[in-house]
PDB file of all heavy atoms in Angstrom:
ATOM      1  N   GLY A   1       8.275  24.273  -6.519  1.00  0.00           N
ATOM      2  CA  GLY A   1       9.246  23.197  -6.253  1.00  0.00           C
ATOM      3  C   GLY A   1       8.837  21.894  -6.904  1.00  0.00           C
ATOM      4  O   GLY A   1       9.644  21.233  -7.573  1.00  0.00           O
ATOM      5  N   ASN A   2       7.581  21.506  -6.746  1.00  0.00           N
ATOM      6  CA  ASN A   2       7.124  20.249  -7.349  1.00  0.00           C
ATOM      7  C   ASN A   2       6.905  20.403  -8.857  1.00  0.00           C
ATOM      8  O   ASN A   2       7.154  19.465  -9.613  1.00  0.00           O
ATOM      9  CB  ASN A   2       5.856  19.748  -6.654  1.00  0.00           C
ATOM     10  CG  ASN A   2       6.171  19.152  -5.295  1.00  0.00           C
ATOM     11  OD1 ASN A   2       7.292  18.774  -5.002  1.00  0.00           O
ATOM     12  ND2 ASN A   2       5.171  19.073  -4.450  1.00  0.00           N
ATOM     13  N   PHE A   3       6.463  21.577  -9.297  1.00  0.00           N
ATOM     14  CA  PHE A   3       6.281  21.829 -10.735  1.00  0.00           C
ATOM     15  C   PHE A   3       7.622  21.720 -11.465  1.00  0.00           C
ATOM     16  O   PHE A   3       7.722  21.103 -12.527  1.00  0.00           O
ATOM     17  CB  PHE A   3       5.660  23.209 -10.936  1.00  0.00           C
ATOM     18  CG  PHE A   3       5.399  23.569 -12.361  1.00  0.00           C
ATOM     19  CD1 PHE A   3       4.446  22.895 -13.099  1.00  0.00           C
ATOM     20  CD2 PHE A   3       6.087  24.599 -12.972  1.00  0.00           C
ATOM     21  CE1 PHE A   3       4.181  23.227 -14.424  1.00  0.00           C
ATOM     22  CE2 PHE A   3       5.843  24.948 -14.289  1.00  0.00           C
ATOM     23  CZ  PHE A   3       4.882  24.262 -15.021  1.00  0.00           C
ATOM     24  N   TYR A   4       8.637  22.312 -10.888  1.00  0.00           N
ATOM     25  CA  TYR A   4       9.979  22.255 -11.482  1.00  0.00           C
ATOM     26  C   TYR A   4      10.429  20.798 -11.634  1.00  0.00           C
ATOM     27  O   TYR A   4      10.940  20.401 -12.685  1.00  0.00           O
ATOM     28  CB  TYR A   4      10.962  23.038 -10.604  1.00  0.00           C
ATOM     29  CG  TYR A   4      12.399  22.945 -11.060  1.00  0.00           C
ATOM     30  CD1 TYR A   4      12.870  23.777 -12.062  1.00  0.00           C
ATOM     31  CD2 TYR A   4      13.265  22.013 -10.494  1.00  0.00           C
ATOM     32  CE1 TYR A   4      14.190  23.682 -12.493  1.00  0.00           C
ATOM     33  CE2 TYR A   4      14.581  21.909 -10.923  1.00  0.00           C
ATOM     34  CZ  TYR A   4      15.036  22.748 -11.910  1.00  0.00           C
ATOM     35  OH  TYR A   4      16.336  22.656 -12.345  1.00  0.00           O
ATOM     36  N   ASP A   5      10.244  20.009 -10.583  1.00  0.00           N
ATOM     37  CA  ASP A   5      10.640  18.589 -10.645  1.00  0.00           C
ATOM     38  C   ASP A   5       9.895  17.854 -11.754  1.00  0.00           C
ATOM     39  O   ASP A   5      10.497  17.068 -12.490  1.00  0.00           O
ATOM     40  CB  ASP A   5      10.352  17.888  -9.319  1.00  0.00           C
ATOM     41  CG  ASP A   5      11.304  18.306  -8.226  1.00  0.00           C
ATOM     42  OD1 ASP A   5      12.305  18.983  -8.521  1.00  0.00           O
ATOM     43  OD2 ASP A   5      11.038  17.956  -7.064  1.00  0.00           O
ATOM     44  N   ARG A   6       8.601  18.091 -11.853  1.00  0.00           N
ATOM     45  CA  ARG A   6       7.816  17.412 -12.892  1.00  0.00           C
ATOM     46  C   ARG A   6       8.268  17.833 -14.284  1.00  0.00           C
ATOM     47  O   ARG A   6       8.312  17.019 -15.199  1.00  0.00           O
ATOM     48  CB  ARG A   6       6.332  17.720 -12.713  1.00  0.00           C
ATOM     49  CG  ARG A   6       5.725  16.983 -11.555  1.00  0.00           C
ATOM     50  CD  ARG A   6       4.208  17.118 -11.519  1.00  0.00           C
ATOM     51  NE  ARG A   6       3.690  16.420 -10.378  1.00  0.00           N
ATOM     52  CZ  ARG A   6       3.357  16.993  -9.225  1.00  0.00           C
ATOM     53  NH1 ARG A   6       3.468  18.296  -9.092  1.00  0.00           N
ATOM     54  NH2 ARG A   6       2.911  16.264  -8.232  1.00  0.00           N
ATOM     55  N   LEU A   7       8.590  19.104 -14.442  1.00  0.00           N
ATOM     56  CA  LEU A   7       9.025  19.619 -15.735  1.00  0.00           C
ATOM     57  C   LEU A   7      10.400  19.063 -16.120  1.00  0.00           C
ATOM     58  O   LEU A   7      10.600  18.628 -17.252  1.00  0.00           O
ATOM     59  CB  LEU A   7       9.088  21.153 -15.655  1.00  0.00           C
ATOM     60  CG  LEU A   7       8.643  21.962 -16.840  1.00  0.00           C
ATOM     61  CD1 LEU A   7       7.216  21.632 -17.203  1.00  0.00           C
ATOM     62  CD2 LEU A   7       8.782  23.437 -16.527  1.00  0.00           C
ATOM     63  N   VAL A   8      11.325  19.068 -15.183  1.00  0.00           N
ATOM     64  CA  VAL A   8      12.704  18.689 -15.466  1.00  0.00           C
ATOM     65  C   VAL A   8      12.913  17.178 -15.423  1.00  0.00           C
ATOM     66  O   VAL A   8      13.605  16.619 -16.277  1.00  0.00           O
ATOM     67  CB  VAL A   8      13.667  19.392 -14.487  1.00  0.00           C
ATOM     68  CG1 VAL A   8      15.090  18.873 -14.614  1.00  0.00           C
ATOM     69  CG2 VAL A   8      13.625  20.900 -14.710  1.00  0.00           C
ATOM     70  N   HIS A   9      12.318  16.491 -14.423  1.00  0.00           N
ATOM     71  CA  HIS A   9      12.595  15.068 -14.217  1.00  0.00           C
ATOM     72  C   HIS A   9      11.430  14.144 -14.587  1.00  0.00           C
ATOM     73  O   HIS A   9      11.595  12.943 -14.623  1.00  0.00           O
ATOM     74  CB  HIS A   9      12.956  14.796 -12.753  1.00  0.00           C
ATOM     75  CG  HIS A   9      14.032  15.673 -12.223  1.00  0.00           C
ATOM     76  ND1 HIS A   9      15.337  15.611 -12.673  1.00  0.00           N
ATOM     77  CD2 HIS A   9      14.019  16.648 -11.280  1.00  0.00           C
ATOM     78  CE1 HIS A   9      16.071  16.502 -12.031  1.00  0.00           C
ATOM     79  NE2 HIS A   9      15.300  17.141 -11.191  1.00  0.00           N
ATOM     80  N   GLN A  10      10.258  14.706 -14.781  1.00  0.00           N
ATOM     81  CA  GLN A  10       9.020  13.925 -15.019  1.00  0.00           C
ATOM     82  C   GLN A  10       8.528  13.212 -13.761  1.00  0.00           C
ATOM     83  O   GLN A  10       7.689  12.327 -13.846  1.00  0.00           O
ATOM     84  CB  GLN A  10       9.197  12.919 -16.167  1.00  0.00           C
ATOM     85  CG  GLN A  10       9.608  13.552 -17.480  1.00  0.00           C
ATOM     86  CD  GLN A  10       8.612  14.604 -17.961  1.00  0.00           C
ATOM     87  OE1 GLN A  10       7.446  14.303 -18.100  1.00  0.00           O
ATOM     88  NE2 GLN A  10       9.062  15.816 -18.204  1.00  0.00           N
ATOM     89  N   TYR A  11       9.076  13.551 -12.609  1.00  0.00           N
ATOM     90  CA  TYR A  11       8.644  13.003 -11.335  1.00  0.00           C
ATOM     91  C   TYR A  11       9.059  13.964 -10.216  1.00  0.00           C
ATOM     92  O   TYR A  11       9.886  14.843 -10.437  1.00  0.00           O
ATOM     93  CB  TYR A  11       9.214  11.603 -11.076  1.00  0.00           C
ATOM     94  CG  TYR A  11      10.726  11.546 -11.058  1.00  0.00           C
ATOM     95  CD1 TYR A  11      11.453  11.840  -9.911  1.00  0.00           C
ATOM     96  CD2 TYR A  11      11.429  11.200 -12.206  1.00  0.00           C
ATOM     97  CE1 TYR A  11      12.836  11.798  -9.891  1.00  0.00           C
ATOM     98  CE2 TYR A  11      12.810  11.140 -12.200  1.00  0.00           C
ATOM     99  CZ  TYR A  11      13.501  11.443 -11.041  1.00  0.00           C
ATOM    100  OH  TYR A  11      14.873  11.398 -11.030  1.00  0.00           O
ATOM    101  N   VAL A  12       8.479  13.755  -9.047  1.00  0.00           N
ATOM    102  CA  VAL A  12       8.825  14.549  -7.868  1.00  0.00           C
ATOM    103  C   VAL A  12       9.542  13.625  -6.888  1.00  0.00           C
ATOM    104  O   VAL A  12       9.115  12.497  -6.662  1.00  0.00           O
ATOM    105  CB  VAL A  12       7.545  15.131  -7.209  1.00  0.00           C
ATOM    106  CG1 VAL A  12       7.870  15.829  -5.892  1.00  0.00           C
ATOM    107  CG2 VAL A  12       6.856  16.095  -8.154  1.00  0.00           C
ATOM    108  N   VAL A  13      10.634  14.101  -6.320  1.00  0.00           N
ATOM    109  CA  VAL A  13      11.365  13.337  -5.320  1.00  0.00           C
ATOM    110  C   VAL A  13      10.674  13.520  -3.969  1.00  0.00           C
ATOM    111  O   VAL A  13      10.541  14.627  -3.474  1.00  0.00           O
ATOM    112  CB  VAL A  13      12.841  13.795  -5.226  1.00  0.00           C
ATOM    113  CG1 VAL A  13      13.546  13.116  -4.060  1.00  0.00           C
ATOM    114  CG2 VAL A  13      13.561  13.524  -6.531  1.00  0.00           C
ATOM    115  N   ASP A  14      10.223  12.406  -3.403  1.00  0.00           N
ATOM    116  CA  ASP A  14       9.661  12.387  -2.055  1.00  0.00           C
ATOM    117  C   ASP A  14      10.602  11.574  -1.180  1.00  0.00           C
ATOM    118  O   ASP A  14      11.236  10.625  -1.655  1.00  0.00           O
ATOM    119  CB  ASP A  14       8.265  11.736  -2.059  1.00  0.00           C
ATOM    120  CG  ASP A  14       7.206  12.623  -2.707  1.00  0.00           C
ATOM    121  OD1 ASP A  14       7.366  13.856  -2.699  1.00  0.00           O
ATOM    122  OD2 ASP A  14       6.217  12.069  -3.213  1.00  0.00           O
ATOM    123  N   PHE A  15      10.697  11.946   0.097  1.00  0.00           N
ATOM    124  CA  PHE A  15      11.676  11.245   0.938  1.00  0.00           C
ATOM    125  C   PHE A  15      11.358  11.234   2.430  1.00  0.00           C
ATOM    126  O   PHE A  15      12.066  10.588   3.200  1.00  0.00           O
ATOM    127  CB  PHE A  15      13.080  11.817   0.713  1.00  0.00           C
ATOM    128  CG  PHE A  15      13.161  13.298   1.009  1.00  0.00           C
ATOM    129  CD1 PHE A  15      13.528  13.747   2.261  1.00  0.00           C
ATOM    130  CD2 PHE A  15      12.869  14.225   0.025  1.00  0.00           C
ATOM    131  CE1 PHE A  15      13.604  15.107   2.529  1.00  0.00           C
ATOM    132  CE2 PHE A  15      12.944  15.582   0.272  1.00  0.00           C
ATOM    133  CZ  PHE A  15      13.312  16.023   1.541  1.00  0.00           C
ATOM    134  N   ILE A  16      10.336  11.905   2.866  1.00  0.00           N
ATOM    135  CA  ILE A  16       9.993  11.939   4.291  1.00  0.00           C
ATOM    136  C   ILE A  16       8.843  10.978   4.521  1.00  0.00           C
ATOM    137  O   ILE A  16       7.781  11.109   3.905  1.00  0.00           O
ATOM    138  CB  ILE A  16       9.609  13.369   4.746  1.00  0.00           C
ATOM    139  CG1 ILE A  16      10.746  14.348   4.443  1.00  0.00           C
ATOM    140  CG2 ILE A  16       9.266  13.365   6.242  1.00  0.00           C
ATOM    141  CD1 ILE A  16      10.370  15.807   4.594  1.00  0.00           C
ATOM    142  N   TYR A  17       9.058  10.012   5.381  1.00  0.00           N
ATOM    143  CA  TYR A  17       8.045   8.977   5.636  1.00  0.00           C
ATOM    144  C   TYR A  17       7.701   8.934   7.109  1.00  0.00           C
ATOM    145  O   TYR A  17       8.543   8.620   7.949  1.00  0.00           O
ATOM    146  CB  TYR A  17       8.558   7.612   5.158  1.00  0.00           C
ATOM    147  CG  TYR A  17       7.611   6.472   5.413  1.00  0.00           C
ATOM    148  CD1 TYR A  17       6.255   6.580   5.127  1.00  0.00           C
ATOM    149  CD2 TYR A  17       8.072   5.276   5.941  1.00  0.00           C
ATOM    150  CE1 TYR A  17       5.389   5.520   5.355  1.00  0.00           C
ATOM    151  CE2 TYR A  17       7.219   4.214   6.164  1.00  0.00           C
ATOM    152  CZ  TYR A  17       5.873   4.338   5.876  1.00  0.00           C
ATOM    153  OH  TYR A  17       5.020   3.298   6.116  1.00  0.00           O
ATOM    154  N   PHE A  18       6.468   9.292   7.427  1.00  0.00           N
ATOM    155  CA  PHE A  18       5.950   9.255   8.791  1.00  0.00           C
ATOM    156  C   PHE A  18       5.316   7.881   8.985  1.00  0.00           C
ATOM    157  O   PHE A  18       4.132   7.693   8.760  1.00  0.00           O
ATOM    158  CB  PHE A  18       4.955  10.394   8.989  1.00  0.00           C
ATOM    159  CG  PHE A  18       4.556  10.639  10.404  1.00  0.00           C
ATOM    160  CD1 PHE A  18       5.511  10.786  11.403  1.00  0.00           C
ATOM    161  CD2 PHE A  18       3.223  10.752  10.754  1.00  0.00           C
ATOM    162  CE1 PHE A  18       5.136  11.023  12.717  1.00  0.00           C
ATOM    163  CE2 PHE A  18       2.842  10.976  12.061  1.00  0.00           C
ATOM    164  CZ  PHE A  18       3.800  11.117  13.042  1.00  0.00           C
ATOM    165  N   CYS A  19       6.147   6.911   9.345  1.00  0.00           N
ATOM    166  CA  CYS A  19       5.715   5.513   9.374  1.00  0.00           C
ATOM    167  C   CYS A  19       4.811   5.188  10.562  1.00  0.00           C
ATOM    168  O   CYS A  19       4.124   4.162  10.536  1.00  0.00           O
ATOM    169  CB  CYS A  19       6.919   4.573   9.334  1.00  0.00           C
ATOM    170  SG  CYS A  19       8.133   4.859  10.615  1.00  0.00           S
ATOM    171  N   LEU A  20       4.759   6.021  11.567  1.00  0.00           N
ATOM    172  CA  LEU A  20       3.911   5.763  12.724  1.00  0.00           C
ATOM    173  C   LEU A  20       2.469   5.541  12.307  1.00  0.00           C
ATOM    174  O   LEU A  20       1.788   4.657  12.812  1.00  0.00           O
ATOM    175  CB  LEU A  20       4.000   6.927  13.726  1.00  0.00           C
ATOM    176  CG  LEU A  20       3.119   6.813  14.966  1.00  0.00           C
ATOM    177  CD1 LEU A  20       3.604   5.671  15.862  1.00  0.00           C
ATOM    178  CD2 LEU A  20       3.122   8.113  15.745  1.00  0.00           C
ATOM    179  N   ILE A  21       2.018   6.326  11.330  1.00  0.00           N
ATOM    180  CA  ILE A  21       0.643   6.174  10.842  1.00  0.00           C
ATOM    181  C   ILE A  21       0.615   5.738   9.373  1.00  0.00           C
ATOM    182  O   ILE A  21      -0.408   5.841   8.723  1.00  0.00           O
ATOM    183  CB  ILE A  21      -0.169   7.478  11.026  1.00  0.00           C
ATOM    184  CG1 ILE A  21       0.504   8.648  10.296  1.00  0.00           C
ATOM    185  CG2 ILE A  21      -0.389   7.782  12.494  1.00  0.00           C
ATOM    186  CD1 ILE A  21      -0.323   9.915  10.257  1.00  0.00           C
ATOM    187  N   ASP A  22       1.753   5.270   8.867  1.00  0.00           N
ATOM    188  CA  ASP A  22       1.879   4.834   7.479  1.00  0.00           C
ATOM    189  C   ASP A  22       1.379   5.917   6.522  1.00  0.00           C
ATOM    190  O   ASP A  22       0.627   5.666   5.596  1.00  0.00           O
ATOM    191  CB  ASP A  22       1.132   3.512   7.236  1.00  0.00           C
ATOM    192  CG  ASP A  22       1.534   2.876   5.925  1.00  0.00           C
ATOM    193  OD1 ASP A  22       2.667   3.109   5.464  1.00  0.00           O
ATOM    194  OD2 ASP A  22       0.705   2.151   5.343  1.00  0.00           O
ATOM    195  N   PHE A  23       1.813   7.162   6.783  1.00  0.00           N
ATOM    196  CA  PHE A  23       1.436   8.309   5.961  1.00  0.00           C
ATOM    197  C   PHE A  23       2.227   8.265   4.657  1.00  0.00           C
ATOM    198  O   PHE A  23       3.383   7.858   4.640  1.00  0.00           O
ATOM    199  CB  PHE A  23       1.730   9.606   6.719  1.00  0.00           C
ATOM    200  CG  PHE A  23       1.061  10.804   6.143  1.00  0.00           C
ATOM    201  CD1 PHE A  23      -0.275  11.048   6.382  1.00  0.00           C
ATOM    202  CD2 PHE A  23       1.763  11.695   5.350  1.00  0.00           C
ATOM    203  CE1 PHE A  23      -0.906  12.163   5.845  1.00  0.00           C
ATOM    204  CE2 PHE A  23       1.135  12.808   4.804  1.00  0.00           C
ATOM    205  CZ  PHE A  23      -0.202  13.031   5.056  1.00  0.00           C
ATOM    206  N   PRO A  24       1.628   8.688   3.532  1.00  0.00           N
ATOM    207  CA  PRO A  24       2.366   8.689   2.257  1.00  0.00           C
ATOM    208  C   PRO A  24       3.658   9.496   2.351  1.00  0.00           C
ATOM    209  O   PRO A  24       3.737  10.481   3.082  1.00  0.00           O
ATOM    210  CB  PRO A  24       1.382   9.344   1.289  1.00  0.00           C
ATOM    211  CG  PRO A  24       0.041   9.061   1.876  1.00  0.00           C
ATOM    212  CD  PRO A  24       0.239   9.110   3.365  1.00  0.00           C
ATOM    213  N   ILE A  25       4.635   9.082   1.599  1.00  0.00           N
ATOM    214  CA  ILE A  25       5.942   9.745   1.585  1.00  0.00           C
ATOM    215  C   ILE A  25       5.791  11.117   0.930  1.00  0.00           C
ATOM    216  O   ILE A  25       5.093  11.265  -0.076  1.00  0.00           O
ATOM    217  CB  ILE A  25       6.961   8.850   0.844  1.00  0.00           C
ATOM    218  CG1 ILE A  25       7.043   7.502   1.548  1.00  0.00           C
ATOM    219  CG2 ILE A  25       8.322   9.529   0.776  1.00  0.00           C
ATOM    220  CD1 ILE A  25       7.780   6.440   0.756  1.00  0.00           C
ATOM    221  N   PHE A  26       6.436  12.125   1.484  1.00  0.00           N
ATOM    222  CA  PHE A  26       6.286  13.499   1.012  1.00  0.00           C
ATOM    223  C   PHE A  26       7.620  14.215   1.015  1.00  0.00           C
ATOM    224  O   PHE A  26       8.653  13.630   1.329  1.00  0.00           O
ATOM    225  CB  PHE A  26       5.229  14.241   1.847  1.00  0.00           C
ATOM    226  CG  PHE A  26       5.507  14.268   3.326  1.00  0.00           C
ATOM    227  CD1 PHE A  26       6.115  15.355   3.922  1.00  0.00           C
ATOM    228  CD2 PHE A  26       5.142  13.190   4.141  1.00  0.00           C
ATOM    229  CE1 PHE A  26       6.366  15.384   5.288  1.00  0.00           C
ATOM    230  CE2 PHE A  26       5.384  13.209   5.513  1.00  0.00           C
ATOM    231  CZ  PHE A  26       5.995  14.300   6.081  1.00  0.00           C
ATOM    232  N   ASN A  27       7.601  15.505   0.652  1.00  0.00           N
ATOM    233  CA  ASN A  27       8.831  16.293   0.599  1.00  0.00           C
ATOM    234  C   ASN A  27       8.588  17.676   1.215  1.00  0.00           C
ATOM    235  O   ASN A  27       7.500  17.968   1.692  1.00  0.00           O
ATOM    236  CB  ASN A  27       9.354  16.387  -0.841  1.00  0.00           C
ATOM    237  CG  ASN A  27       8.366  17.061  -1.766  1.00  0.00           C
ATOM    238  OD1 ASN A  27       7.774  18.096  -1.450  1.00  0.00           O
ATOM    239  ND2 ASN A  27       8.155  16.472  -2.942  1.00  0.00           N
ATOM    240  N   VAL A  28       9.597  18.520   1.174  1.00  0.00           N
ATOM    241  CA  VAL A  28       9.519  19.848   1.788  1.00  0.00           C
ATOM    242  C   VAL A  28       8.478  20.720   1.083  1.00  0.00           C
ATOM    243  O   VAL A  28       7.712  21.432   1.738  1.00  0.00           O
ATOM    244  CB  VAL A  28      10.914  20.512   1.822  1.00  0.00           C
ATOM    245  CG1 VAL A  28      10.830  21.960   2.285  1.00  0.00           C
ATOM    246  CG2 VAL A  28      11.856  19.719   2.725  1.00  0.00           C
ATOM    247  N   ALA A  29       8.410  20.659  -0.239  1.00  0.00           N
ATOM    248  CA  ALA A  29       7.407  21.453  -0.967  1.00  0.00           C
ATOM    249  C   ALA A  29       5.993  21.048  -0.550  1.00  0.00           C
ATOM    250  O   ALA A  29       5.111  21.914  -0.421  1.00  0.00           O
ATOM    251  CB  ALA A  29       7.578  21.283  -2.476  1.00  0.00           C
ATOM    252  N   ASP A  30       5.777  19.764  -0.324  1.00  0.00           N
ATOM    253  CA  ASP A  30       4.471  19.296   0.138  1.00  0.00           C
ATOM    254  C   ASP A  30       4.146  19.883   1.514  1.00  0.00           C
ATOM    255  O   ASP A  30       2.994  20.214   1.804  1.00  0.00           O
ATOM    256  CB  ASP A  30       4.429  17.770   0.223  1.00  0.00           C
ATOM    257  CG  ASP A  30       4.619  17.093  -1.122  1.00  0.00           C
ATOM    258  OD1 ASP A  30       4.307  17.723  -2.158  1.00  0.00           O
ATOM    259  OD2 ASP A  30       5.081  15.937  -1.139  1.00  0.00           O
ATOM    260  N   ILE A  31       5.162  20.000   2.360  1.00  0.00           N
ATOM    261  CA  ILE A  31       4.968  20.613   3.684  1.00  0.00           C
ATOM    262  C   ILE A  31       4.545  22.069   3.521  1.00  0.00           C
ATOM    263  O   ILE A  31       3.630  22.537   4.178  1.00  0.00           O
ATOM    264  CB  ILE A  31       6.247  20.496   4.541  1.00  0.00           C
ATOM    265  CG1 ILE A  31       6.528  19.027   4.851  1.00  0.00           C
ATOM    266  CG2 ILE A  31       6.125  21.319   5.818  1.00  0.00           C
ATOM    267  CD1 ILE A  31       7.901  18.779   5.492  1.00  0.00           C
ATOM    268  N   TYR A  32       5.215  22.786   2.613  1.00  0.00           N
ATOM    269  CA  TYR A  32       4.854  24.188   2.373  1.00  0.00           C
ATOM    270  C   TYR A  32       3.379  24.305   1.983  1.00  0.00           C
ATOM    271  O   TYR A  32       2.641  25.119   2.539  1.00  0.00           O
ATOM    272  CB  TYR A  32       5.672  24.801   1.224  1.00  0.00           C
ATOM    273  CG  TYR A  32       7.156  24.929   1.418  1.00  0.00           C
ATOM    274  CD1 TYR A  32       7.979  25.091   0.314  1.00  0.00           C
ATOM    275  CD2 TYR A  32       7.749  24.903   2.672  1.00  0.00           C
ATOM    276  CE1 TYR A  32       9.352  25.234   0.445  1.00  0.00           C
ATOM    277  CE2 TYR A  32       9.121  25.037   2.809  1.00  0.00           C
ATOM    278  CZ  TYR A  32       9.916  25.206   1.692  1.00  0.00           C
ATOM    279  OH  TYR A  32      11.266  25.345   1.821  1.00  0.00           O
ATOM    280  N   VAL A  33       2.975  23.507   1.006  1.00  0.00           N
ATOM    281  CA  VAL A  33       1.604  23.597   0.489  1.00  0.00           C
ATOM    282  C   VAL A  33       0.589  23.215   1.560  1.00  0.00           C
ATOM    283  O   VAL A  33      -0.393  23.929   1.779  1.00  0.00           O
ATOM    284  CB  VAL A  33       1.446  22.727  -0.782  1.00  0.00           C
ATOM    285  CG1 VAL A  33      -0.005  22.654  -1.215  1.00  0.00           C
ATOM    286  CG2 VAL A  33       2.323  23.273  -1.907  1.00  0.00           C
ATOM    287  N   THR A  34       0.823  22.116   2.240  1.00  0.00           N
ATOM    288  CA  THR A  34      -0.128  21.641   3.242  1.00  0.00           C
ATOM    289  C   THR A  34      -0.240  22.615   4.414  1.00  0.00           C
ATOM    290  O   THR A  34      -1.356  22.976   4.821  1.00  0.00           O
ATOM    291  CB  THR A  34       0.300  20.242   3.757  1.00  0.00           C
ATOM    292  OG1 THR A  34       0.388  19.365   2.641  1.00  0.00           O
ATOM    293  CG2 THR A  34      -0.702  19.707   4.753  1.00  0.00           C
TER     294      THR A  34
END
C-alpha cells in the first residue's frame, strides 16, 4: 500500500492523528505493518 503510493505519487497519504499523545500521523497500511 505504501510502496504503491510512493511509486505513483512520490508520497504516502497519512491521515490518522492520535493527538492525545501527539503521535505522528499515519494510515491504514501503517496499522497493518505495525
